[in-house]
């Protein structure tokens, strides 16, 4: 399959570059053509992805597998000839390992149900927990208030409503406050119906940078709906829930850093990043193995072609993203005195398929600059610019520091069905799309770093607050506890 996609991608590249040949080419066009040609013809991204997801596997921050991935990617950067390759250490608030989890209806019928623990949540008491299930519907504040008299000592069940991405995000950002409200009401555990089809489960932490106060599990949506029907027909439904996880004290993790030094303005930096860590139900090919290996491939191609731009391009593979974007927060905190010199931060994380453009994260003032640096990519379909802003990946703390930041828009394909779940495997990745995405990263980063003028200005704290309020980002930040 890889060879077939290589041939098709290379043919497209040759046709497009032939069409460019009938008009004068700029330096940006020339660099773009060389980068796209090198990556599509000789790219190693898919081979690297295979090793990352098949040989190393799931990369939960603070585990030996994640540490192995950190060491391996650092060695690959050195092999590719990058400069200043190193790992920057920070402390994760706690270590966590998944154990067994089971759920069984014991009244009014007997039925085994499909569940998985959320990450960074505690175990049930030894021997498990048997309790009444209380349906709190979509889990809104008013739903909890209506059920308050029945929640003490119970297991709560919530099933989100709506099918859109916005509905999914709203439900996700509601969970931290929901768990706090349920804990205050004396609830012993929470069941969250998975939003995925075909009995696929989901996993994530409840809180950012904090262990959950009660066990929280993902339940197959089909089983959650079954529980709801039982409650509707019988009133009292009792469930035996057993969750066995292992929590430890604080653990060390690292972000992996490599550079191409700028030839004229080396202190000014264009940062290109993705998160190396993952959740642990599957090997996490699309979330975010593709981002990691696209960043590595962009670095490889730039060095191979000897393209050294005016400014430094710094490649960073963050960990701790799935626990609350902790690795990139640690990076921003550690480099606070350098943020004026970070010209732009480019992240790849949201989607599984071909690049279509970039989110400017609430910055319409960046549109002209984005169009300028991505102009050579327009014939390849990279045209979209969205001003949507969200608190979902490693751009966030750069955004809150006012640094111009871009997040790649990708064809989502089945991303939101498979991510954070067992089927996020290598076979879900199109090798040609992965190579193309690497080329988009390389071209965009090079052009931003090579431009005579800076890509965009750093916003003041007051401007960031206005951006967050205007874009709806503030509501997300309050939900996860970053803003009060």
Protein backbone atom coordinates (compact mmCIF):
# COMPACT_ATOMS: atom_id res chain seq x y z
CA UNK A 1 0.00 0.00 0.00
CA UNK A 2 2.83 2.40 0.85
CA UNK A 3 4.45 2.10 -2.56
CA UNK A 4 1.16 2.69 -4.38
CA UNK A 5 0.47 5.85 -2.38
CA UNK A 6 4.03 7.06 -2.98
CA UNK A 7 3.57 6.72 -6.73
CA UNK A 8 0.24 8.56 -6.74
CA UNK A 9 1.53 11.35 -4.51
CA UNK A 10 4.71 11.76 -6.54
CA UNK A 11 2.69 11.90 -9.79
CA UNK A 12 0.52 14.67 -8.32
CA UNK A 13 3.63 16.56 -7.24
CA UNK A 14 5.20 16.30 -10.71
CA UNK A 15 2.02 17.50 -12.42
CA UNK A 16 1.75 20.49 -10.10
CA UNK A 17 5.40 21.45 -10.32
CA UNK A 18 5.20 21.18 -14.11
CA UNK A 19 2.33 23.69 -14.05
CA UNK A 20 4.45 26.01 -11.89
CA UNK A 21 7.20 25.78 -14.50
CA UNK A 22 5.22 27.92 -16.97
CA UNK A 23 5.53 30.95 -14.66
CA UNK A 24 8.38 32.43 -12.63
CA UNK A 25 8.95 30.76 -9.29
CA UNK A 26 9.66 32.60 -6.04
CA UNK A 27 12.17 31.34 -3.51
CA UNK A 28 9.22 30.12 -1.43
CA UNK A 29 7.87 28.16 -4.41
CA UNK A 30 11.29 26.65 -5.03
CA UNK A 31 11.75 25.58 -1.41
CA UNK A 32 8.21 24.21 -1.31
CA UNK A 33 8.72 22.19 -4.48
CA UNK A 34 11.96 20.71 -3.16
CA UNK A 35 10.47 19.87 0.23
CA UNK A 36 7.34 18.29 -1.20
CA UNK A 37 9.38 16.29 -3.70
CA UNK A 38 11.85 15.06 -1.07
CA UNK A 39 9.15 14.05 1.40
CA UNK A 40 6.84 12.35 -1.09
CA UNK A 41 9.68 10.49 -2.78
CA UNK A 42 11.90 9.61 0.18
CA UNK A 43 9.86 10.24 3.32
CA UNK A 44 10.30 7.99 6.35
CA UNK A 45 7.22 9.09 8.29
CA UNK A 46 5.19 5.92 7.81
CA UNK A 47 8.10 3.64 8.67
CA UNK A 48 8.69 5.69 11.82
CA UNK A 49 5.00 5.56 12.66
CA UNK A 50 5.00 1.78 12.33
CA UNK A 51 7.85 1.54 14.82
CA UNK A 52 6.24 3.99 17.22
CA UNK A 53 2.82 2.33 17.35
CA UNK A 54 3.68 -1.33 16.69
CA UNK A 55 6.99 -1.68 18.54
CA UNK A 56 6.54 0.86 21.36
CA UNK A 57 2.74 1.05 21.49
CA UNK A 58 0.64 3.16 23.85
CA UNK A 59 2.68 5.95 25.43
CA UNK A 60 1.00 7.01 28.65
CA UNK A 61 3.04 9.80 30.24
CA UNK A 62 5.28 8.59 33.03
CA UNK A 63 5.38 4.97 31.87
CA UNK A 64 8.39 3.03 30.53
CA UNK A 65 6.81 3.01 27.04
CA UNK A 66 6.60 6.80 26.95
CA UNK A 67 10.18 7.07 28.21
CA UNK A 68 11.23 4.67 25.44
CA UNK A 69 9.47 6.87 22.87
CA UNK A 70 11.19 9.96 24.26
CA UNK A 71 14.62 8.32 23.95
CA UNK A 72 13.92 6.89 20.48
CA UNK A 73 12.69 10.16 18.97
CA UNK A 74 15.70 12.03 20.40
CA UNK A 75 18.02 9.51 18.74
CA UNK A 76 16.17 9.85 15.42
CA UNK A 77 16.58 13.62 15.52
CA UNK A 78 20.32 13.13 16.05
CA UNK A 79 20.43 10.59 13.21
CA UNK A 80 18.74 13.16 10.94
CA UNK A 81 21.41 15.75 11.72
CA UNK A 82 19.38 18.16 13.87
CA UNK A 83 21.21 20.50 16.24
CA UNK A 84 20.84 20.97 20.00
CA UNK A 85 18.92 17.72 20.46
CA UNK A 86 17.98 17.32 24.11
CA UNK A 87 15.19 16.38 26.50
CA UNK A 88 13.69 18.89 28.93
CA UNK A 89 12.44 17.32 32.15
CA UNK A 90 9.38 18.29 34.18
CA UNK A 91 7.37 16.64 36.96
CA UNK A 92 3.96 15.06 36.43
CA UNK A 93 1.64 15.35 39.44
CA UNK A 94 1.16 11.55 39.75
CA UNK A 95 1.88 8.30 37.98
CA UNK A 96 -1.01 6.05 36.98
CA UNK A 97 -1.38 2.53 35.60
CA UNK A 98 -4.54 0.86 34.35
CA UNK A 99 -5.76 -2.32 36.02
CA UNK A 100 -8.85 -4.46 35.56
CA UNK A 101 -12.33 -2.97 35.32
CA UNK A 102 -15.67 -4.80 35.26
CA UNK A 103 -19.35 -4.00 35.61
CA UNK A 104 -22.25 -6.40 36.15
CA UNK A 105 -25.95 -5.73 36.63
CA UNK A 106 -27.10 -7.71 39.68
CA UNK A 107 -30.70 -6.46 39.95
CA UNK A 108 -33.28 -6.83 38.37
CA UNK A 109 -31.38 -9.00 35.86
CA UNK A 110 -27.85 -10.33 35.53
CA UNK A 111 -25.76 -8.88 32.71
CA UNK A 112 -22.05 -8.16 32.17
CA UNK A 113 -21.40 -4.73 30.66
CA UNK A 114 -18.46 -3.29 28.70
CA UNK A 115 -16.42 -0.62 30.51
CA UNK A 116 -12.96 0.92 30.78
CA UNK A 117 -11.60 3.22 33.44
CA UNK A 118 -10.89 6.84 32.74
CA UNK A 119 -7.22 7.69 33.34
CA UNK A 120 -5.92 9.17 36.58
CA UNK A 121 -8.95 7.96 38.54
CA UNK A 122 -8.83 5.87 41.75
CA UNK A 123 -9.93 2.29 42.29
CA UNK A 124 -13.19 1.15 43.84
CA UNK A 125 -12.89 -0.28 47.38
CA UNK A 126 -11.32 -3.73 47.63
CA UNK A 127 -13.83 -6.29 46.45
CA UNK A 128 -15.67 -3.73 44.33
CA UNK A 129 -18.69 -1.54 44.81
CA UNK A 130 -22.34 -2.63 44.60
CA UNK A 131 -24.86 0.21 44.49
CA UNK A 132 -27.98 1.59 42.89
CA UNK A 133 -27.60 3.29 39.51
CA UNK A 134 -29.08 6.79 39.23
CA UNK A 135 -29.61 8.22 35.74
CA UNK A 136 -28.59 11.89 35.68
CA UNK A 137 -29.35 12.16 31.97
CA UNK A 138 -26.94 14.53 30.19
CA UNK A 139 -25.28 15.49 33.49
CA UNK A 140 -26.16 19.18 33.49
CA UNK A 141 -26.10 21.06 36.78
CA UNK A 142 -29.89 21.00 36.94
CA UNK A 143 -29.90 17.22 36.31
CA UNK A 144 -27.65 16.72 39.34
CA UNK A 145 -29.84 19.00 41.46
CA UNK A 146 -32.99 17.04 40.54
CA UNK A 147 -31.34 13.73 41.47
CA UNK A 148 -29.57 15.02 44.61
CA UNK A 149 -31.74 13.12 47.11
CA UNK A 150 -30.91 9.79 45.41
CA UNK A 151 -27.20 10.24 44.77
CA UNK A 152 -25.64 9.52 48.18
CA UNK A 153 -24.03 6.08 48.01
CA UNK A 154 -25.14 5.61 44.39
CA UNK A 155 -23.43 5.12 41.03
CA UNK A 156 -24.39 7.95 38.64
CA UNK A 157 -25.00 7.36 34.92
CA UNK A 158 -24.75 10.13 32.33
CA UNK A 159 -25.42 9.91 28.60
CA UNK A 160 -24.50 12.95 26.52
CA UNK A 161 -26.94 14.37 24.01
CA UNK A 162 -26.21 15.64 20.50
CA UNK A 163 -24.05 14.31 17.69
CA UNK A 164 -21.87 17.24 16.62
CA UNK A 165 -18.25 17.95 17.54
CA UNK A 166 -19.48 20.94 19.54
CA UNK A 167 -21.83 18.66 21.50
CA UNK A 168 -18.97 16.23 22.15
CA UNK A 169 -16.69 19.00 23.40
CA UNK A 170 -19.41 20.48 25.60
CA UNK A 171 -19.96 17.09 27.24
CA UNK A 172 -16.21 16.57 27.68
CA UNK A 173 -15.66 19.95 29.32
CA UNK A 174 -18.65 19.38 31.62
CA UNK A 175 -17.16 16.26 33.27
CA UNK A 176 -14.76 17.96 35.76
CA UNK A 177 -17.51 20.12 37.27
CA UNK A 178 -19.91 17.17 37.18
CA UNK A 179 -17.51 14.99 39.17
CA UNK A 180 -17.07 17.73 41.78
CA UNK A 181 -20.85 18.09 42.13
CA UNK A 182 -21.36 14.32 42.38
CA UNK A 183 -18.59 13.99 44.96
CA UNK A 184 -20.21 16.70 47.07
CA UNK A 185 -23.52 14.83 46.83
CA UNK A 186 -21.94 11.62 48.13
CA UNK A 187 -21.95 9.72 44.83
CA UNK A 188 -19.53 6.78 44.87
CA UNK A 189 -18.75 6.46 41.14
CA UNK A 190 -19.69 7.85 37.73
CA UNK A 191 -20.47 5.99 34.50
CA UNK A 192 -20.02 8.10 31.35
CA UNK A 193 -21.59 6.64 28.22
CA UNK A 194 -19.09 6.49 25.37
CA UNK A 195 -19.98 8.67 22.40
CA UNK A 196 -18.48 6.09 20.07
CA UNK A 197 -20.46 3.43 18.15
CA UNK A 198 -20.20 -0.37 18.11
CA UNK A 199 -19.36 -0.73 21.82
CA UNK A 200 -16.13 1.23 21.47
CA UNK A 201 -14.97 2.85 24.69
CA UNK A 202 -13.30 6.17 25.43
CA UNK A 203 -10.72 7.27 27.96
CA UNK A 204 -9.30 10.53 29.25
CA UNK A 205 -8.44 12.08 32.60
CA UNK A 206 -11.23 13.77 34.54
CA UNK A 207 -9.15 16.71 35.75
CA UNK A 208 -6.11 18.47 34.38
CA UNK A 209 -3.20 18.07 36.77
CA UNK A 210 -5.24 16.34 39.48
CA UNK A 211 -6.43 12.83 40.40
CA UNK A 212 -10.21 12.29 40.30
CA UNK A 213 -12.02 12.12 43.64
CA UNK A 214 -14.18 9.14 42.59
CA UNK A 215 -13.86 6.28 40.08
CA UNK A 216 -15.08 7.29 36.61
CA UNK A 217 -15.57 4.76 33.82
CA UNK A 218 -16.48 4.82 30.16
CA UNK A 219 -19.31 2.42 29.29
CA UNK A 220 -20.27 1.23 25.83
CA UNK A 221 -23.14 3.45 24.70
CA UNK A 222 -25.26 0.41 23.92
CA UNK A 223 -24.85 -0.84 27.49
CA UNK A 224 -25.53 2.59 28.98
CA UNK A 225 -28.78 2.81 27.02
CA UNK A 226 -29.63 -0.70 28.26
CA UNK A 227 -29.15 0.52 31.86
CA UNK A 228 -31.40 3.50 31.16
CA UNK A 229 -34.15 1.25 29.82
CA UNK A 230 -33.91 -0.98 32.89
CA UNK A 231 -34.24 2.04 35.16
CA UNK A 232 -37.25 3.28 33.19
CA UNK A 233 -39.01 -0.10 33.44
CA UNK A 234 -37.96 -1.32 36.91
CA UNK A 235 -37.03 1.78 38.88
CA UNK A 236 -34.27 0.21 40.96
CA UNK A 237 -31.21 -1.14 39.14
CA UNK A 238 -28.15 -2.29 41.09
CA UNK A 239 -24.68 -2.68 39.61
CA UNK A 240 -21.48 -4.29 40.82
CA UNK A 241 -18.55 -2.13 39.72
CA UNK A 242 -14.90 -3.06 40.16
CA UNK A 243 -12.01 -0.80 39.12
CA UNK A 244 -8.41 -1.66 39.97
CA UNK A 245 -5.93 1.09 39.09
CA UNK A 246 -2.51 1.94 40.50
CA UNK A 247 -1.58 5.48 41.47
CA UNK A 248 1.91 6.57 42.46
CA UNK A 249 3.54 9.78 43.58
CA UNK A 250 4.90 12.40 41.17
CA UNK A 251 6.87 11.07 38.18
CA UNK A 252 9.35 12.60 35.73
CA UNK A 253 8.69 13.06 32.03
CA UNK A 254 10.47 14.92 29.24
CA UNK A 255 9.77 16.99 26.15
CA UNK A 256 12.05 16.15 23.20
CA UNK A 257 13.65 19.18 21.50
CA UNK A 258 15.71 19.58 18.30
CA UNK A 259 16.65 22.56 16.13
CA UNK A 260 17.73 23.91 12.79
CA UNK A 261 19.58 27.12 13.78
CA UNK A 262 18.65 30.27 11.90
CA UNK A 263 21.31 31.76 9.65
CA UNK A 264 20.51 35.44 10.37
CA UNK A 265 18.19 35.68 13.40
CA UNK A 266 18.86 32.54 15.43
CA UNK A 267 17.22 33.93 18.58
CA UNK A 268 13.89 34.18 16.77
CA UNK A 269 12.17 30.79 16.74
CA UNK A 270 9.43 29.05 14.78
CA UNK A 271 8.28 26.14 16.92
CA UNK A 272 6.80 23.00 15.30
CA UNK A 273 5.26 20.46 17.64
CA UNK A 274 3.05 17.48 18.36
CA UNK A 275 2.38 15.39 21.45
CA UNK A 276 4.38 12.21 21.82
CA UNK A 277 2.36 10.80 24.71
CA UNK A 278 -0.96 9.04 24.26
CA UNK A 279 -3.84 7.42 26.04
CA UNK A 280 -3.60 3.69 26.63
CA UNK A 281 -6.57 1.78 25.20
CA UNK A 282 -4.84 1.50 21.82
CA UNK A 283 -1.42 2.28 20.31
CA UNK A 284 -2.67 5.73 19.25
CA UNK A 285 -1.56 5.98 15.64
CA UNK A 286 -3.67 9.04 14.78
CA UNK A 287 -3.59 10.59 18.26
CA UNK A 288 -0.90 11.54 17.90
CA UNK A 289 1.59 9.20 16.26
CA UNK A 290 0.92 10.86 12.93
CA UNK A 291 1.69 14.30 14.32
CA UNK A 292 4.92 13.08 15.90
CA UNK A 293 6.22 11.38 12.78
CA UNK A 294 5.15 14.26 10.52
CA UNK A 295 7.18 16.66 12.70
CA UNK A 296 10.16 14.28 12.55
CA UNK A 297 9.83 14.00 8.77
CA UNK A 298 9.62 17.76 8.30
CA UNK A 299 12.85 18.07 10.29
CA UNK A 300 14.55 15.31 8.29
CA UNK A 301 13.68 16.85 4.92
CA UNK A 302 14.75 20.38 5.85
CA UNK A 303 18.15 19.13 7.02
CA UNK A 304 18.56 16.78 4.06
CA UNK A 305 17.97 19.62 1.60
CA UNK A 306 20.20 22.05 3.48
CA UNK A 307 17.36 24.55 3.84
CA UNK A 308 18.49 26.81 6.66
CA UNK A 309 16.11 29.77 7.02
CA UNK A 310 16.66 33.19 8.56
CA UNK A 311 15.17 32.13 11.90
CA UNK A 312 15.60 29.01 13.97
CA UNK A 313 13.09 26.20 13.52
CA UNK A 314 12.66 24.30 16.77
CA UNK A 315 10.92 20.92 16.80
CA UNK A 316 9.33 19.87 20.10
CA UNK A 317 7.61 16.58 20.89
CA UNK A 318 5.59 17.23 24.03
CA UNK A 319 4.46 14.70 26.62
CA UNK A 320 1.72 15.14 29.23
CA UNK A 321 -0.77 16.41 26.64
CA UNK A 322 -3.39 13.81 27.48
CA UNK A 323 -3.22 14.71 31.19
CA UNK A 324 -4.00 18.37 30.64
CA UNK A 325 -1.47 19.73 28.12
CA UNK A 326 1.12 19.56 30.90
CA UNK A 327 4.30 19.11 28.86
CA UNK A 328 3.72 22.20 26.74
CA UNK A 329 2.68 24.16 29.83
CA UNK A 330 5.97 23.13 31.46
CA UNK A 331 7.77 24.26 28.29
CA UNK A 332 6.06 27.67 28.26
CA UNK A 333 6.77 28.14 31.97
CA UNK A 334 10.43 27.16 31.59
CA UNK A 335 10.94 29.44 28.57
CA UNK A 336 8.86 32.40 29.76
CA UNK A 337 11.72 34.82 29.16
CA UNK A 338 12.03 33.65 25.53
CA UNK A 339 8.38 33.94 24.48
CA UNK A 340 8.89 37.34 22.85
CA UNK A 341 11.26 35.57 20.45
CA UNK A 342 8.87 32.74 19.49
CA UNK A 343 7.55 33.98 16.17
CA UNK A 344 4.95 31.24 15.79
CA UNK A 345 3.94 27.88 17.21
CA UNK A 346 2.62 25.25 14.75
CA UNK A 347 0.88 22.13 16.08
CA UNK A 348 -0.42 18.99 14.36
CA UNK A 349 -2.92 16.97 16.40
CA UNK A 350 -6.57 17.37 15.35
CA UNK A 351 -7.58 14.85 12.68
CA UNK A 352 -6.50 11.74 10.87
CA UNK A 353 -6.26 12.70 7.22
CA UNK A 354 -4.90 15.16 4.69
CA UNK A 355 -4.06 18.75 5.68
CA UNK A 356 -6.63 21.31 4.55
CA UNK A 357 -5.39 24.49 6.22
CA UNK A 358 -4.89 25.98 9.68
CA UNK A 359 -6.79 27.21 12.70
CA UNK A 360 -5.52 30.66 13.68
CA UNK A 361 -6.95 30.21 17.17
CA UNK A 362 -9.01 33.37 17.35
CA UNK A 363 -6.54 35.52 15.39
CA UNK A 364 -8.20 36.97 12.25
CA UNK A 365 -5.29 39.43 12.14
CA UNK A 366 -3.06 36.51 11.07
CA UNK A 367 -5.07 35.62 7.95
CA UNK A 368 -2.93 37.57 5.47
CA UNK A 369 0.28 36.16 6.95
CA UNK A 370 -1.11 32.61 6.83
CA UNK A 371 -2.07 33.02 3.18
CA UNK A 372 1.37 34.37 2.39
CA UNK A 373 3.33 31.50 3.97
CA UNK A 374 0.99 28.79 2.65
CA UNK A 375 0.69 30.20 -0.90
CA UNK A 376 2.81 27.40 -2.45
CA UNK A 377 0.44 24.86 -0.87
CA UNK A 378 -2.79 26.27 -2.32
CA UNK A 379 -2.51 24.19 -5.54
CA UNK A 380 -2.40 21.14 -3.24
CA UNK A 381 -5.70 22.03 -1.55
CA UNK A 382 -4.36 23.70 1.60
CA UNK A 383 -6.77 26.64 1.59
CA UNK A 384 -8.81 26.70 4.79
CA UNK A 385 -8.27 29.26 7.54
CA UNK A 386 -10.49 29.07 10.61
CA UNK A 387 -10.49 31.55 13.48
CA UNK A 388 -12.02 28.97 15.84
CA UNK A 389 -10.18 28.70 19.18
CA UNK A 390 -10.29 25.71 21.53
CA UNK A 391 -8.49 24.28 24.55
CA UNK A 392 -7.59 20.93 23.10
CA UNK A 393 -3.91 20.59 22.26
CA UNK A 394 -0.37 21.88 22.77
CA UNK A 395 -0.98 25.31 21.30
CA UNK A 396 -3.03 26.36 24.32
CA UNK A 397 -0.46 27.78 26.72
CA UNK A 398 1.34 29.52 23.85
CA UNK A 399 -2.01 31.09 22.95
CA UNK A 400 -2.57 32.18 26.56
CA UNK A 401 0.91 33.74 26.50
CA UNK A 402 -0.08 35.73 23.39
CA UNK A 403 2.22 33.86 20.98
CA UNK A 404 0.86 33.50 17.40
CA UNK A 405 -0.09 29.88 16.95
CA UNK A 406 -1.48 27.63 14.25
CA UNK A 407 -3.10 24.20 14.50
CA UNK A 408 -3.36 22.15 11.33
CA UNK A 409 -6.86 21.54 9.95
CA UNK A 410 -7.05 17.96 8.68
CA UNK A 411 -9.68 15.81 7.07
CA UNK A 412 -11.13 14.21 10.23
CA UNK A 413 -12.02 10.89 8.57
CA UNK A 414 -12.90 8.60 11.51
CA UNK A 415 -10.67 10.44 13.99
CA UNK A 416 -13.30 11.13 16.64
CA UNK A 417 -14.57 7.56 16.43
CA UNK A 418 -11.20 5.89 16.88
CA UNK A 419 -9.13 8.32 18.97
CA UNK A 420 -8.70 7.50 22.68
CA UNK A 421 -9.90 3.98 21.88
CA UNK A 422 -8.71 0.53 20.84
CA UNK A 423 -8.99 0.89 17.03
CA UNK A 424 -6.52 3.80 16.80
CA UNK A 425 -4.05 1.57 14.98
CA UNK A 426 -1.60 1.84 12.08
CA UNK A 427 -4.06 0.56 9.48
CA UNK A 428 -6.18 3.71 9.98
CA UNK A 429 -3.41 5.92 8.56
CA UNK A 430 -3.05 6.66 4.85
CA UNK A 431 0.72 6.80 4.15
CA UNK A 432 0.29 9.37 1.38
CA UNK A 433 -1.74 11.68 3.60
CA UNK A 434 0.86 11.40 6.35
CA UNK A 435 3.69 12.36 3.98
CA UNK A 436 1.65 15.24 2.60
CA UNK A 437 0.97 16.53 6.12
CA UNK A 438 4.69 16.39 6.87
CA UNK A 439 5.34 18.43 3.72
CA UNK A 440 2.76 21.02 4.80
CA UNK A 441 4.48 21.36 8.17
CA UNK A 442 7.89 21.68 6.54
CA UNK A 443 6.82 24.27 3.96
CA UNK A 444 4.82 26.36 6.43
CA UNK A 445 7.55 26.36 9.08
CA UNK A 446 10.27 27.18 6.55
CA UNK A 447 8.30 30.04 5.02
CA UNK A 448 7.47 31.59 8.40
CA UNK A 449 11.12 31.30 9.42
CA UNK A 450 12.37 32.73 6.11
CA UNK A 451 10.00 35.73 5.80
CA UNK A 452 11.75 39.11 6.12
CA UNK A 453 9.02 40.31 8.50
CA UNK A 454 7.73 38.58 11.63
CA UNK A 455 4.70 36.34 11.15
CA UNK A 456 2.54 38.16 13.71
CA UNK A 457 2.74 40.10 16.92
CA UNK A 458 2.48 38.78 20.46
CA UNK A 459 -0.80 39.74 22.14
CA UNK A 460 -0.97 41.48 25.50
CA UNK A 461 -2.69 39.75 28.47
CA UNK A 462 -5.71 42.02 27.98
CA UNK A 463 -5.93 41.08 24.31
CA UNK A 464 -5.72 37.37 25.19
CA UNK A 465 -8.61 37.74 27.65
CA UNK A 466 -10.70 39.45 24.98
CA UNK A 467 -9.83 36.74 22.44
CA UNK A 468 -10.86 34.04 24.93
CA UNK A 469 -14.14 35.77 25.72
CA UNK A 470 -15.02 36.52 22.09
CA UNK A 471 -14.17 33.01 20.82
CA UNK A 472 -15.81 31.01 23.62
CA UNK A 473 -12.43 29.71 24.76
CA UNK A 474 -12.91 31.25 28.21
CA UNK A 475 -15.82 28.91 28.94
CA UNK A 476 -13.65 25.88 28.13
CA UNK A 477 -10.81 27.20 30.30
CA UNK A 478 -13.15 27.68 33.24
CA UNK A 479 -14.57 24.18 32.79
CA UNK A 480 -11.16 22.53 33.12
CA UNK A 481 -10.08 24.80 35.97
CA UNK A 482 -7.44 26.90 34.18
CA UNK A 483 -9.43 30.10 34.66
CA UNK A 484 -11.74 30.89 37.57
